[in-house]
Amino acid sequence: MIVTPLDSAILDSKEQYVFYHKMIDFALKELIVAVQQKQILNQQEVLLFKQYSDLLLYSIEAMRVKYMYDEEENMRVDLTDSGFPNYLEFRYLFNDLELRKDYLDKLTSIDVLKEEFLDTLMRKKEPISKRKLFQAASIVYYTSAKKEYIFNRFVQGKIISVTEGSPAAHLVSWSFYDVSHNRPFICYMYFNYDGKNVQDHKDEIYAVLKNVADRDMNLDTMAYAIDKRLPKVFPKRIRRVDLGPLHNVFAKDENKVTHVILEGIANKNVPLDSYAISFQIDELDSASEFKEGSFFSKQTFQRWDAIFGTRYVFAPHRIIQLLYNKTPEVMNNLALAPIQVSELKTK
């Protein structure tokens, strides 16, 4: 039985640890496939969504290896409206890998550790101690994990040309891990550029996005801040994907979907490994343009339409049935009927 105390957000047993990592890895992979199949995002957006999700999966796998046999430290998971690791865990990964060489110099060499393992298993006929297993896991962690693949608090995508029929000539994407929600968000901005080559201006665009669009905020506030700070950039559409929360046995929040799953698990109507993923897209389109400023320094701004939000739920069939029975009002407000994904089988 997996127990997560209400006042704790720490995975403090090997069983919880293995279970959680299997669940989040499985759920994210199911989500990537379903988003593509249902064409919730267009082809270019899906490719970028997969790239950011791969960084997230890579980072979570690095956490799994890091903590595998560590008896002193435990991974922290945000249990309120998230289901993802606490944002500090990503920072710890990044900091660790900045000091990779220092850590590797302090660890027992691989050859020495191999000899010790063989001696313990073959000659002494004893199991490997947890301390030695932790040393081995640490070597794997520091030699295999790459800092450039860690999902940082802000991840910048490149400026690319867009396909025909798009609202503008260029597309730039970025992702951030919001500190207040402990959830990843992925953003897309379609824009036109008043100049010869947008790549000459990319450093300034990237700097502005990192400074004013690196957290969850009102989408029109974000759009205005970008528009104001980049006079040569004319944003035409901004889409923000809120990836989560992940509703599961570990969650301790007030979300109706979470409560249905927890109640179903408690009553043994659904298995312990039941889950669902909420997924929201907020979109803002430019309706027209207007100029502001003095005669000699006028700047073109966008006049934005109202924010358009669409919400989705991804869940296995049994959970979808349960949600329809318990929270029909939530299901009726979704952009599409709940999208079926595969069940997680932990046994």
Protein backbone atom coordinates (compact mmCIF):
# COMPACT_ATOMS: atom_id res chain seq x y z
CA MET A 1 0.00 0.00 0.00
CA ILE A 2 1.36 3.41 -0.94
CA VAL A 3 0.71 6.09 1.65
CA THR A 4 1.44 9.77 1.05
CA PRO A 5 0.95 11.83 4.25
CA LEU A 6 -1.04 15.02 3.82
CA ASP A 7 1.75 17.11 5.31
CA SER A 8 4.52 15.57 3.20
CA ALA A 9 5.53 15.89 -0.40
CA ILE A 10 8.47 13.51 -0.18
CA LEU A 11 8.67 10.08 -1.76
CA ASP A 12 10.20 8.35 1.25
CA SER A 13 10.22 4.70 0.24
CA LYS A 14 11.63 2.70 -2.66
CA GLU A 15 8.13 1.42 -3.52
CA GLN A 16 6.69 4.94 -3.82
CA TYR A 17 9.73 6.03 -5.76
CA VAL A 18 9.54 3.26 -8.38
CA PHE A 19 5.75 3.60 -8.66
CA TYR A 20 5.82 7.38 -9.16
CA HIS A 21 8.51 7.34 -11.85
CA LYS A 22 6.76 4.60 -13.79
CA MET A 23 3.49 6.53 -13.63
CA ILE A 24 4.77 9.93 -14.74
CA ASP A 25 6.89 8.46 -17.54
CA PHE A 26 3.95 6.38 -18.83
CA ALA A 27 1.41 9.22 -18.54
CA LEU A 28 3.56 11.75 -20.39
CA LYS A 29 4.28 9.34 -23.25
CA GLU A 30 0.57 8.57 -23.57
CA LEU A 31 -0.18 12.30 -23.62
CA ILE A 32 2.33 12.99 -26.42
CA VAL A 33 0.76 10.30 -28.62
CA ALA A 34 -2.82 11.39 -27.90
CA VAL A 35 -2.17 15.10 -28.58
CA GLN A 36 -0.73 14.15 -31.96
CA GLN A 37 -3.51 11.71 -32.86
CA LYS A 38 -6.29 14.14 -31.95
CA GLN A 39 -4.54 17.04 -33.76
CA ILE A 40 -5.02 19.31 -30.76
CA LEU A 41 -1.89 21.12 -31.92
CA ASN A 42 -0.83 21.60 -35.54
CA GLN A 43 2.05 19.62 -37.05
CA GLN A 44 4.81 22.11 -36.23
CA GLU A 45 3.47 22.70 -32.73
CA VAL A 46 3.29 18.95 -32.06
CA LEU A 47 6.95 18.48 -33.03
CA LEU A 48 7.97 21.25 -30.65
CA PHE A 49 5.65 19.90 -27.95
CA LYS A 50 7.36 16.52 -28.24
CA GLN A 51 10.83 18.11 -27.99
CA TYR A 52 9.95 19.93 -24.76
CA SER A 53 8.23 16.82 -23.37
CA ASP A 54 11.34 14.75 -24.19
CA LEU A 55 13.44 17.18 -22.12
CA LEU A 56 10.96 16.74 -19.28
CA LEU A 57 11.10 12.94 -19.55
CA TYR A 58 14.90 12.99 -19.73
CA SER A 59 15.09 15.11 -16.58
CA ILE A 60 12.68 12.86 -14.67
CA GLU A 61 14.70 9.79 -15.69
CA ALA A 62 17.87 11.55 -14.45
CA MET A 63 16.10 12.14 -11.12
CA ARG A 64 15.20 8.45 -10.97
CA VAL A 65 18.85 7.44 -11.34
CA LYS A 66 20.04 10.17 -8.96
CA TYR A 67 17.83 9.08 -6.06
CA MET A 68 17.69 5.34 -6.77
CA TYR A 69 19.76 4.20 -3.78
CA ASP A 70 20.17 7.48 -1.90
CA GLU A 71 19.12 6.91 1.72
CA GLU A 72 19.85 10.49 2.81
CA GLU A 73 17.87 12.48 0.25
CA ASN A 74 14.37 11.97 -1.16
CA MET A 75 12.80 13.47 -4.25
CA ARG A 76 10.08 16.03 -3.64
CA VAL A 77 6.87 15.99 -5.64
CA ASP A 78 4.33 18.81 -5.67
CA LEU A 79 1.06 17.28 -4.48
CA THR A 80 -1.17 20.33 -5.04
CA ASP A 81 -2.48 20.99 -8.56
CA SER A 82 0.65 19.55 -10.14
CA GLY A 83 1.72 15.92 -9.79
CA PHE A 84 5.14 16.85 -11.19
CA PRO A 85 8.46 17.08 -9.31
CA ASN A 86 9.02 20.27 -7.36
CA TYR A 87 10.78 22.84 -9.57
CA LEU A 88 13.79 22.78 -7.21
CA GLU A 89 14.51 19.20 -8.31
CA PHE A 90 15.27 20.47 -11.82
CA ARG A 91 17.52 23.15 -10.37
CA TYR A 92 19.37 20.52 -8.30
CA LEU A 93 19.95 18.45 -11.45
CA PHE A 94 21.33 21.44 -13.32
CA ASN A 95 23.59 22.43 -10.42
CA ASP A 96 24.85 18.85 -10.03
CA LEU A 97 25.83 18.62 -13.67
CA GLU A 98 27.58 21.98 -13.55
CA LEU A 99 29.95 20.34 -11.07
CA ARG A 100 30.08 16.97 -12.85
CA LYS A 101 33.89 16.74 -12.92
CA ASP A 102 34.27 17.56 -9.21
CA TYR A 103 31.79 14.85 -8.25
CA LEU A 104 33.31 12.21 -10.56
CA ASP A 105 36.79 12.86 -9.12
CA LYS A 106 35.45 12.05 -5.64
CA LEU A 107 33.69 8.82 -6.63
CA THR A 108 35.26 5.36 -6.56
CA SER A 109 36.55 4.42 -10.01
CA ILE A 110 34.38 2.13 -12.14
CA ASP A 111 37.06 -0.59 -12.31
CA VAL A 112 37.49 -0.69 -8.54
CA LEU A 113 33.72 -0.79 -8.02
CA LYS A 114 33.35 -3.66 -10.54
CA GLU A 115 35.98 -5.69 -8.68
CA GLU A 116 34.23 -5.06 -5.37
CA PHE A 117 30.86 -6.10 -6.85
CA LEU A 118 32.28 -9.32 -8.31
CA ASP A 119 34.07 -10.16 -5.07
CA THR A 120 30.91 -9.62 -3.01
CA LEU A 121 28.64 -11.57 -5.36
CA MET A 122 30.93 -14.39 -6.50
CA ARG A 123 33.28 -15.03 -3.60
CA LYS A 124 31.39 -13.84 -0.52
CA LYS A 125 27.97 -14.79 -1.95
CA GLU A 126 26.45 -11.68 -0.37
CA PRO A 127 24.11 -8.99 -1.76
CA ILE A 128 25.58 -5.63 -2.73
CA SER A 129 25.19 -3.05 0.03
CA LYS A 130 22.96 -0.03 -0.57
CA ARG A 131 25.97 2.24 -0.10
CA LYS A 132 27.79 0.53 -2.97
CA LEU A 133 24.66 0.54 -5.13
CA PHE A 134 24.34 4.27 -4.51
CA GLN A 135 27.95 4.75 -5.61
CA ALA A 136 27.21 2.85 -8.82
CA ALA A 137 24.02 4.83 -9.46
CA SER A 138 25.95 8.07 -8.87
CA ILE A 139 28.55 7.07 -11.46
CA VAL A 140 25.78 6.32 -13.99
CA TYR A 141 24.10 9.64 -13.17
CA TYR A 142 27.20 11.82 -13.48
CA THR A 143 28.62 10.08 -16.55
CA SER A 144 25.41 9.75 -18.58
CA ALA A 145 23.22 12.77 -17.75
CA LYS A 146 23.81 15.84 -19.94
CA LYS A 147 23.24 19.33 -18.59
CA GLU A 148 22.00 20.63 -21.94
CA TYR A 149 19.08 18.15 -21.90
CA ILE A 150 17.78 19.11 -18.47
CA PHE A 151 14.41 20.88 -18.42
CA ASN A 152 15.46 24.21 -16.91
CA ARG A 153 13.08 26.79 -15.45
CA PHE A 154 13.09 28.48 -18.87
CA VAL A 155 13.79 26.68 -22.15
CA GLN A 156 14.12 28.71 -25.34
CA GLY A 157 13.18 27.32 -28.75
CA LYS A 158 14.46 28.60 -32.09
CA ILE A 159 12.72 31.01 -34.47
CA ILE A 160 11.43 29.06 -37.48
CA SER A 161 9.48 29.80 -40.64
CA VAL A 162 5.90 28.59 -40.61
CA THR A 163 3.80 26.64 -43.05
CA GLU A 164 1.30 28.21 -45.43
CA GLY A 165 -1.97 29.22 -43.83
CA SER A 166 -0.41 30.34 -40.55
CA PRO A 167 -1.34 33.73 -39.05
CA ALA A 168 2.20 35.12 -39.53
CA ALA A 169 5.56 34.43 -41.18
CA HIS A 170 7.55 33.28 -38.14
CA LEU A 171 7.07 31.05 -35.11
CA VAL A 172 9.05 31.05 -31.89
CA SER A 173 8.41 28.69 -29.00
CA TRP A 174 9.55 28.53 -25.41
CA SER A 175 8.76 26.57 -22.29
CA PHE A 176 8.90 27.35 -18.59
CA TYR A 177 8.38 25.53 -15.34
CA ASP A 178 6.13 27.78 -13.30
CA VAL A 179 7.35 28.04 -9.71
CA SER A 180 3.94 28.78 -8.18
CA HIS A 181 2.16 25.84 -9.87
CA ASN A 182 5.13 23.46 -10.23
CA ARG A 183 3.91 22.61 -13.71
CA PRO A 184 5.44 22.93 -17.19
CA PHE A 185 3.95 25.34 -19.73
CA ILE A 186 4.75 25.48 -23.45
CA CYS A 187 4.22 28.67 -25.47
CA TYR A 188 4.05 29.45 -29.18
CA MET A 189 4.14 32.92 -30.72
CA TYR A 190 3.39 33.57 -34.40
CA PHE A 191 4.73 36.93 -35.50
CA ASN A 192 5.77 39.13 -38.38
CA TYR A 193 9.05 41.01 -38.40
CA ASP A 194 9.72 44.56 -39.65
CA GLY A 195 13.22 44.01 -40.99
CA LYS A 196 15.34 42.05 -43.45
CA ASN A 197 16.40 39.01 -41.43
CA VAL A 198 14.68 38.04 -38.21
CA GLN A 199 17.69 35.92 -37.18
CA ASP A 200 19.70 39.13 -36.78
CA HIS A 201 17.23 40.12 -34.08
CA LYS A 202 16.89 36.72 -32.36
CA ASP A 203 19.05 37.47 -29.29
CA GLU A 204 16.90 40.45 -28.37
CA ILE A 205 13.70 38.44 -28.93
CA TYR A 206 14.98 35.59 -26.75
CA ALA A 207 16.04 37.99 -23.99
CA VAL A 208 12.61 39.67 -23.89
CA LEU A 209 10.76 36.32 -23.79
CA LYS A 210 12.93 35.14 -20.89
CA ASN A 211 12.34 38.37 -18.97
CA VAL A 212 8.60 38.88 -19.47
CA ALA A 213 7.13 35.48 -20.46
CA ASP A 214 8.74 33.00 -18.06
CA ARG A 215 5.81 32.40 -15.69
CA ASP A 216 2.05 31.89 -15.65
CA MET A 217 0.24 35.23 -15.97
CA ASN A 218 -2.74 36.69 -17.82
CA LEU A 219 -2.09 35.97 -21.47
CA ASP A 220 -2.96 39.50 -22.59
CA THR A 221 -0.49 40.89 -20.03
CA MET A 222 2.22 38.66 -21.48
CA ALA A 223 1.28 39.63 -25.04
CA TYR A 224 1.35 43.37 -24.30
CA ALA A 225 4.74 43.10 -22.56
CA ILE A 226 6.27 41.29 -25.54
CA ASP A 227 4.67 43.70 -28.02
CA LYS A 228 5.88 46.78 -26.15
CA ARG A 229 9.50 45.64 -25.73
CA LEU A 230 9.99 44.48 -29.32
CA PRO A 231 9.05 47.35 -31.68
CA LYS A 232 10.09 45.40 -34.80
CA VAL A 233 8.13 42.30 -33.83
CA PHE A 234 4.38 42.15 -34.54
CA PRO A 235 2.84 39.22 -32.59
CA LYS A 236 -0.22 37.80 -34.33
CA ARG A 237 -1.07 34.75 -32.23
CA ILE A 238 0.11 33.47 -28.87
CA ARG A 239 -0.79 29.98 -27.66
CA ARG A 240 0.06 28.71 -24.19
CA VAL A 241 -0.25 25.04 -23.23
CA ASP A 242 -0.72 24.25 -19.53
CA LEU A 243 0.52 20.70 -19.13
CA GLY A 244 -1.19 19.36 -16.04
CA PRO A 245 -2.07 18.72 -13.39
CA LEU A 246 -1.45 15.00 -13.33
CA HIS A 247 -4.24 13.54 -11.20
CA ASN A 248 -3.17 10.39 -9.33
CA VAL A 249 -2.93 8.68 -5.94
CA PHE A 250 -0.25 11.10 -4.73
CA ALA A 251 -2.30 14.27 -5.36
CA LYS A 252 -3.65 16.29 -2.42
CA ASP A 253 -5.58 19.15 -4.00
CA GLU A 254 -9.13 20.47 -4.36
CA ASN A 255 -9.46 19.57 -8.03
CA LYS A 256 -12.70 17.71 -8.78
CA VAL A 257 -11.00 15.25 -11.14
CA THR A 258 -8.42 14.44 -8.45
CA HIS A 259 -11.12 13.81 -5.85
CA VAL A 260 -13.04 11.46 -8.14
CA ILE A 261 -9.88 9.38 -8.69
CA LEU A 262 -8.90 9.36 -5.00
CA GLU A 263 -12.43 8.38 -4.00
CA GLY A 264 -12.50 5.62 -6.62
CA ILE A 265 -9.17 4.25 -5.36
CA ALA A 266 -10.31 4.41 -1.73
CA ASN A 267 -13.52 2.52 -2.58
CA LYS A 268 -11.55 0.01 -4.68
CA ASN A 269 -13.62 0.88 -7.76
CA VAL A 270 -10.46 1.66 -9.73
CA PRO A 271 -6.87 0.44 -9.26
CA LEU A 272 -4.15 2.27 -7.34
CA ASP A 273 -2.34 3.18 -10.56
CA SER A 274 -5.31 5.13 -12.00
CA TYR A 275 -4.52 8.56 -13.43
CA ALA A 276 -5.82 11.41 -15.56
CA ILE A 277 -4.14 14.44 -17.10
CA SER A 278 -5.68 17.89 -17.44
CA PHE A 279 -4.50 19.91 -20.41
CA GLN A 280 -5.45 23.50 -21.24
CA ILE A 281 -4.67 25.75 -24.19
CA ASP A 282 -5.13 29.50 -23.95
CA GLU A 283 -4.99 31.41 -27.23
CA LEU A 284 -4.84 35.11 -28.09
CA ASP A 285 -5.17 36.50 -31.62
CA SER A 286 -4.48 39.98 -32.92
CA ALA A 287 -7.66 41.60 -34.27
CA SER A 288 -5.99 44.71 -35.68
CA GLU A 289 -3.10 47.12 -35.21
CA PHE A 290 -2.82 50.69 -33.96
CA LYS A 291 0.01 53.19 -33.63
CA GLU A 292 0.98 55.02 -30.47
CA GLY A 293 3.59 57.63 -29.59
CA SER A 294 4.84 60.94 -30.91
CA PHE A 295 5.10 61.86 -34.59
CA PHE A 296 8.82 60.91 -34.70
CA SER A 297 8.68 57.74 -32.60
CA LYS A 298 5.46 55.92 -33.30
CA GLN A 299 5.22 52.24 -32.43
CA THR A 300 2.78 49.72 -33.84
CA PHE A 301 0.83 47.72 -31.28
CA GLN A 302 -1.64 44.85 -31.53
CA ARG A 303 -5.28 45.15 -30.57
CA TRP A 304 -6.04 41.74 -29.11
CA ASP A 305 -9.22 39.68 -29.23
CA ALA A 306 -10.58 38.08 -26.07
CA ILE A 307 -8.60 35.14 -24.72
CA PHE A 308 -9.91 31.82 -25.99
CA GLY A 309 -9.38 28.88 -23.63
CA THR A 310 -9.93 25.18 -24.32
CA ARG A 311 -9.64 22.44 -21.72
CA TYR A 312 -9.06 18.72 -22.24
CA VAL A 313 -8.87 15.64 -20.04
CA PHE A 314 -6.89 12.51 -20.95
CA ALA A 315 -7.68 9.33 -19.01
CA PRO A 316 -8.11 5.55 -19.35
CA HIS A 317 -11.61 4.24 -20.17
CA ARG A 318 -12.57 3.30 -16.59
CA ILE A 319 -11.62 6.74 -15.30
CA ILE A 320 -13.60 8.44 -18.09
CA GLN A 321 -16.70 6.46 -17.07
CA LEU A 322 -16.15 7.41 -13.44
CA LEU A 323 -15.73 11.10 -14.31
CA TYR A 324 -18.96 11.10 -16.34
CA ASN A 325 -20.80 9.55 -13.39
CA LYS A 326 -19.35 11.82 -10.71
CA THR A 327 -18.56 15.14 -12.45
CA PRO A 328 -20.71 15.48 -15.60
CA GLU A 329 -20.51 19.29 -15.32
CA VAL A 330 -16.71 19.13 -15.70
CA MET A 331 -16.92 16.76 -18.67
CA ASN A 332 -19.52 18.91 -20.44
CA ASN A 333 -17.24 21.95 -20.37
CA LEU A 334 -14.36 20.26 -22.16
CA ALA A 335 -13.40 21.21 -25.73
CA LEU A 336 -13.63 17.53 -26.71
CA ALA A 337 -15.06 14.49 -24.98
CA PRO A 338 -12.44 13.03 -22.59
CA ILE A 339 -9.63 11.53 -24.66
CA GLN A 340 -8.89 7.90 -23.94
CA VAL A 341 -5.33 6.82 -23.16
CA SER A 342 -4.00 3.45 -22.04
CA GLU A 343 -4.20 2.13 -18.50
CA LEU A 344 -1.00 1.89 -16.50
CA LYS A 345 -0.28 -1.70 -15.46
CA THR A 346 2.08 -1.78 -12.47
CA LYS A 347 1.58 -5.45 -11.66
